[in-house]
């Protein structure tokens, strides 16, 4: 009986600790596709104006990246807000801000910058407690943004596999866990797992993935997790390099 009570108390303490450290913010990943020749103008606008105006309106910028193979002239960035309601208010105030209107107009004297915008709304996935922004190497890293679309009803299974196995194995194979998100899909569709890891460089990424996929521990964990059927339907991967003003590099 005493052992049961102690175990129960430890469980409650663990749950309470996780609740205190869990990231409850609302996130938005935005992908900007630029018109030909206008990516540099967009970068300059972010560096000189947009980020400061974001901050004025309560928007916390997590990081800014460019795809390594950037044929579509894209810029990726992630913002954080206290809640969805706060997000909606911040954007409304930002768009109406006279300073922003002036900046936007002046930056497009030589032509419209953006061709299209994609937004992905997200909350923190229950994989790691918070975003890992630390960089102990002192050098810019190569980031990999991965999106997992799961088979129907299998999203909880991918989260469980990451919690119990994948995160630790990534670290063992020199892949840094940066952030894990649960996407908010239209019409209540099943969420996707969106996550970011970091590598030293492209060669290191290739080596790490090859060793990870051949690891007997990973193979056993994957096979056990799929005893009731496959989990992942599609994986999308984009390699990204940080911009000079990104908080995460």
Protein backbone atom coordinates (compact mmCIF):
# COMPACT_ATOMS: atom_id res chain seq x y z
CA UNK A 1 0.00 0.00 0.00
CA UNK A 2 2.81 2.37 0.95
CA UNK A 3 4.58 1.69 -2.37
CA UNK A 4 1.35 2.43 -4.22
CA UNK A 5 0.91 5.78 -2.45
CA UNK A 6 4.53 6.77 -3.14
CA UNK A 7 4.17 5.85 -6.81
CA UNK A 8 0.95 7.83 -7.08
CA UNK A 9 2.57 10.88 -5.48
CA UNK A 10 5.55 10.65 -7.83
CA UNK A 11 3.18 10.43 -10.79
CA UNK A 12 1.29 13.53 -9.64
CA UNK A 13 4.53 15.46 -9.11
CA UNK A 14 5.74 14.48 -12.60
CA UNK A 15 2.45 15.55 -14.18
CA UNK A 16 2.46 18.82 -12.25
CA UNK A 17 6.06 19.51 -13.30
CA UNK A 18 5.26 18.85 -16.96
CA UNK A 19 2.17 21.08 -16.79
CA UNK A 20 4.32 23.92 -15.45
CA UNK A 21 6.98 23.55 -18.14
CA UNK A 22 4.81 22.66 -21.14
CA UNK A 23 4.71 25.33 -23.84
CA UNK A 24 1.08 26.45 -24.11
CA UNK A 25 1.62 29.11 -26.77
CA UNK A 26 -0.08 29.25 -30.16
CA UNK A 27 2.32 29.12 -33.11
CA UNK A 28 2.14 30.18 -36.71
CA UNK A 29 4.64 29.10 -39.33
CA UNK A 30 4.49 31.35 -42.37
CA UNK A 31 6.08 30.59 -45.72
CA UNK A 32 6.51 33.56 -48.04
CA UNK A 33 7.02 32.90 -51.74
CA UNK A 34 8.55 35.92 -53.45
CA UNK A 35 8.24 37.22 -56.95
CA UNK A 36 11.44 36.79 -59.02
CA UNK A 37 14.28 38.97 -57.81
CA UNK A 38 12.40 40.20 -54.72
CA UNK A 39 13.67 37.87 -51.97
CA UNK A 40 16.46 40.26 -50.94
CA UNK A 41 13.92 43.05 -50.53
CA UNK A 42 11.83 40.84 -48.25
CA UNK A 43 14.86 39.91 -46.13
CA UNK A 44 15.84 43.57 -45.81
CA UNK A 45 12.28 44.49 -44.78
CA UNK A 46 12.29 41.87 -42.02
CA UNK A 47 15.75 42.85 -40.84
CA UNK A 48 15.17 46.59 -40.76
CA UNK A 49 11.48 46.93 -39.92
CA UNK A 50 9.10 43.99 -39.70
CA UNK A 51 10.58 42.20 -36.69
CA UNK A 52 10.52 45.39 -34.61
CA UNK A 53 6.88 46.06 -35.55
CA UNK A 54 6.04 42.42 -34.76
CA UNK A 55 7.47 42.92 -31.27
CA UNK A 56 5.46 46.11 -30.82
CA UNK A 57 2.30 44.09 -31.38
CA UNK A 58 3.15 41.22 -29.05
CA UNK A 59 4.45 38.80 -31.65
CA UNK A 60 7.38 36.64 -30.55
CA UNK A 61 9.51 35.62 -33.52
CA UNK A 62 11.11 32.20 -33.05
CA UNK A 63 13.32 32.06 -36.11
CA UNK A 64 13.82 32.83 -39.80
CA UNK A 65 15.20 30.49 -42.45
CA UNK A 66 15.77 30.11 -46.19
CA UNK A 67 15.56 26.74 -47.96
CA UNK A 68 18.94 25.41 -49.09
CA UNK A 69 17.42 24.65 -52.49
CA UNK A 70 15.39 27.79 -52.89
CA UNK A 71 13.97 27.54 -56.39
CA UNK A 72 10.67 29.07 -55.21
CA UNK A 73 12.26 32.15 -53.57
CA UNK A 74 10.83 31.19 -50.17
CA UNK A 75 11.36 32.47 -46.65
CA UNK A 76 10.17 30.46 -43.63
CA UNK A 77 9.53 31.89 -40.19
CA UNK A 78 7.71 30.98 -36.99
CA UNK A 79 5.86 33.30 -34.61
CA UNK A 80 4.49 32.56 -31.14
CA UNK A 81 1.46 34.07 -29.39
CA UNK A 82 -0.14 33.59 -25.97
CA UNK A 83 -3.29 32.23 -27.63
CA UNK A 84 -5.19 32.05 -30.93
CA UNK A 85 -7.21 35.11 -29.91
CA UNK A 86 -4.00 37.01 -29.21
CA UNK A 87 -2.69 35.96 -32.61
CA UNK A 88 -5.76 37.32 -34.40
CA UNK A 89 -5.59 40.63 -32.51
CA UNK A 90 -1.85 41.04 -33.08
CA UNK A 91 -2.17 40.55 -36.83
CA UNK A 92 -5.15 42.91 -37.01
CA UNK A 93 -3.23 45.61 -35.18
CA UNK A 94 -0.06 44.97 -37.21
CA UNK A 95 -1.81 45.26 -40.57
CA UNK A 96 -3.52 48.50 -39.47
CA UNK A 97 -0.33 50.05 -38.06
CA UNK A 98 0.53 53.26 -40.00
CA UNK A 99 4.24 52.55 -39.60
CA UNK A 100 3.85 49.13 -41.21
CA UNK A 101 1.76 50.55 -44.05
CA UNK A 102 4.48 53.09 -44.76
CA UNK A 103 7.23 50.46 -44.65
CA UNK A 104 5.28 48.10 -46.92
CA UNK A 105 4.59 50.81 -49.48
CA UNK A 106 8.20 52.02 -49.61
CA UNK A 107 9.57 48.46 -49.87
CA UNK A 108 7.44 47.79 -52.95
CA UNK A 109 8.34 50.88 -54.97
CA UNK A 110 10.32 48.59 -57.30
CA UNK A 111 7.60 45.96 -57.49
CA UNK A 112 5.40 43.70 -55.40
CA UNK A 113 7.46 41.43 -53.16
CA UNK A 114 5.18 38.51 -52.32
CA UNK A 115 3.60 36.11 -54.76
CA UNK A 116 1.83 34.00 -52.11
CA UNK A 117 1.73 33.16 -48.39
CA UNK A 118 1.15 29.82 -46.67
CA UNK A 119 0.29 29.72 -42.95
CA UNK A 120 0.48 26.62 -40.75
CA UNK A 121 -1.15 27.00 -37.33
CA UNK A 122 0.29 24.86 -34.57
CA UNK A 123 0.49 24.09 -30.87
CA UNK A 124 3.37 22.40 -29.09
CA UNK A 125 3.40 18.62 -29.49
CA UNK A 126 3.91 16.58 -26.32
CA UNK A 127 7.38 15.43 -27.37
CA UNK A 128 9.89 17.81 -25.75
CA UNK A 129 8.93 20.32 -23.03
CA UNK A 130 9.88 23.49 -24.93
CA UNK A 131 11.69 24.81 -27.98
CA UNK A 132 15.43 24.21 -27.77
CA UNK A 133 17.02 27.47 -28.92
CA UNK A 134 20.49 26.78 -27.51
CA UNK A 135 23.49 26.61 -29.83
CA UNK A 136 26.65 25.59 -28.02
CA UNK A 137 28.74 25.21 -31.18
CA UNK A 138 28.91 28.94 -31.94
CA UNK A 139 28.42 28.13 -35.63
CA UNK A 140 25.35 28.31 -37.82
CA UNK A 141 23.75 24.90 -38.23
CA UNK A 142 21.75 23.22 -40.96
CA UNK A 143 18.10 22.82 -40.01
CA UNK A 144 15.67 20.23 -41.25
CA UNK A 145 11.94 20.85 -41.14
CA UNK A 146 9.97 17.61 -41.34
CA UNK A 147 6.20 17.14 -41.61
CA UNK A 148 4.59 13.75 -40.98
CA UNK A 149 1.13 13.06 -42.35
CA UNK A 150 -0.22 10.00 -40.55
CA UNK A 151 -2.68 7.36 -41.63
CA UNK A 152 -6.20 7.83 -40.18
CA UNK A 153 -6.26 7.71 -36.39
CA UNK A 154 -2.50 7.18 -36.10
CA UNK A 155 -1.31 10.62 -34.97
CA UNK A 156 -1.16 9.57 -31.25
CA UNK A 157 1.05 6.65 -32.27
CA UNK A 158 3.67 8.85 -33.94
CA UNK A 159 3.78 11.13 -30.89
CA UNK A 160 4.20 8.13 -28.60
CA UNK A 161 7.03 6.75 -30.74
CA UNK A 162 8.87 10.05 -30.65
CA UNK A 163 8.35 10.43 -26.89
CA UNK A 164 9.58 6.96 -26.05
CA UNK A 165 12.22 6.29 -28.69
CA UNK A 166 12.91 8.65 -31.59
CA UNK A 167 13.96 11.77 -29.68
CA UNK A 168 16.63 9.89 -27.73
CA UNK A 169 17.87 8.07 -30.82
CA UNK A 170 18.14 11.34 -32.75
CA UNK A 171 20.43 12.73 -30.05
CA UNK A 172 22.53 9.56 -30.04
CA UNK A 173 23.07 10.04 -33.76
CA UNK A 174 24.06 13.73 -33.44
CA UNK A 175 20.74 15.20 -34.53
CA UNK A 176 19.59 18.03 -32.25
CA UNK A 177 15.91 18.18 -31.32
CA UNK A 178 14.83 21.82 -31.78
CA UNK A 179 11.01 21.96 -31.78
CA UNK A 180 7.97 19.73 -32.17
CA UNK A 181 4.52 20.99 -33.17
CA UNK A 182 1.02 19.63 -33.66
CA UNK A 183 -0.58 21.23 -36.70
CA UNK A 184 -4.11 22.61 -36.65
CA UNK A 185 -5.81 21.32 -39.78
CA UNK A 186 -8.93 22.74 -41.51
CA UNK A 187 -12.34 21.21 -40.77
CA UNK A 188 -11.03 19.21 -37.82
CA UNK A 189 -8.87 16.92 -39.95
CA UNK A 190 -6.17 14.87 -38.25
CA UNK A 191 -3.16 16.88 -37.13
CA UNK A 192 0.29 16.48 -38.62
CA UNK A 193 3.52 16.26 -36.66
CA UNK A 194 5.76 19.15 -37.67
CA UNK A 195 9.24 19.19 -36.22
CA UNK A 196 12.66 20.74 -36.64
CA UNK A 197 16.05 19.16 -35.99
CA UNK A 198 19.54 20.56 -36.51
CA UNK A 199 22.70 19.11 -38.09
CA UNK A 200 26.25 20.43 -38.29
CA UNK A 201 26.08 20.42 -42.09
CA UNK A 202 24.71 18.43 -45.03
CA UNK A 203 27.35 15.70 -44.81
CA UNK A 204 26.61 15.27 -41.11
CA UNK A 205 22.88 15.07 -41.86
CA UNK A 206 23.41 12.33 -44.46
CA UNK A 207 25.63 10.35 -42.07
CA UNK A 208 23.28 10.74 -39.10
CA UNK A 209 20.21 9.63 -41.04
CA UNK A 210 22.03 6.60 -42.50
CA UNK A 211 23.21 5.48 -39.05
CA UNK A 212 19.82 6.17 -37.45
CA UNK A 213 17.92 4.11 -40.03
CA UNK A 214 20.37 1.21 -39.62
CA UNK A 215 20.29 1.29 -35.81
CA UNK A 216 18.88 -2.02 -34.47
CA UNK A 217 17.26 -0.17 -31.57
CA UNK A 218 15.37 2.07 -34.00
CA UNK A 219 14.35 -0.85 -36.20
CA UNK A 220 12.98 -2.73 -33.19
CA UNK A 221 11.10 0.34 -31.91
CA UNK A 222 9.65 1.06 -35.35
CA UNK A 223 8.53 -2.52 -35.88
CA UNK A 224 6.96 -2.75 -32.42
CA UNK A 225 5.10 0.54 -32.93
CA UNK A 226 3.70 -0.72 -36.25
CA UNK A 227 2.44 -4.11 -35.08
CA UNK A 228 -1.11 -2.83 -35.59
CA UNK A 229 -0.32 -1.21 -38.93
CA UNK A 230 1.85 1.50 -40.45
CA UNK A 231 1.74 4.95 -38.86
CA UNK A 232 3.12 7.46 -41.36
CA UNK A 233 1.57 7.99 -44.77
CA UNK A 234 3.86 10.76 -46.06
CA UNK A 235 7.01 12.58 -44.94
CA UNK A 236 8.01 16.01 -46.24
CA UNK A 237 11.51 17.33 -45.56
CA UNK A 238 13.03 20.76 -46.23
CA UNK A 239 16.61 21.70 -45.36
CA UNK A 240 16.92 25.29 -44.13
CA UNK A 241 19.71 27.72 -43.34
CA UNK A 242 19.15 30.45 -40.72
CA UNK A 243 19.13 34.13 -41.58
CA UNK A 244 21.60 36.35 -39.72
CA UNK A 245 18.87 37.83 -37.50
CA UNK A 246 17.22 34.51 -36.60
CA UNK A 247 17.09 33.79 -32.87
CA UNK A 248 17.69 30.11 -33.61
CA UNK A 249 20.87 29.52 -35.65
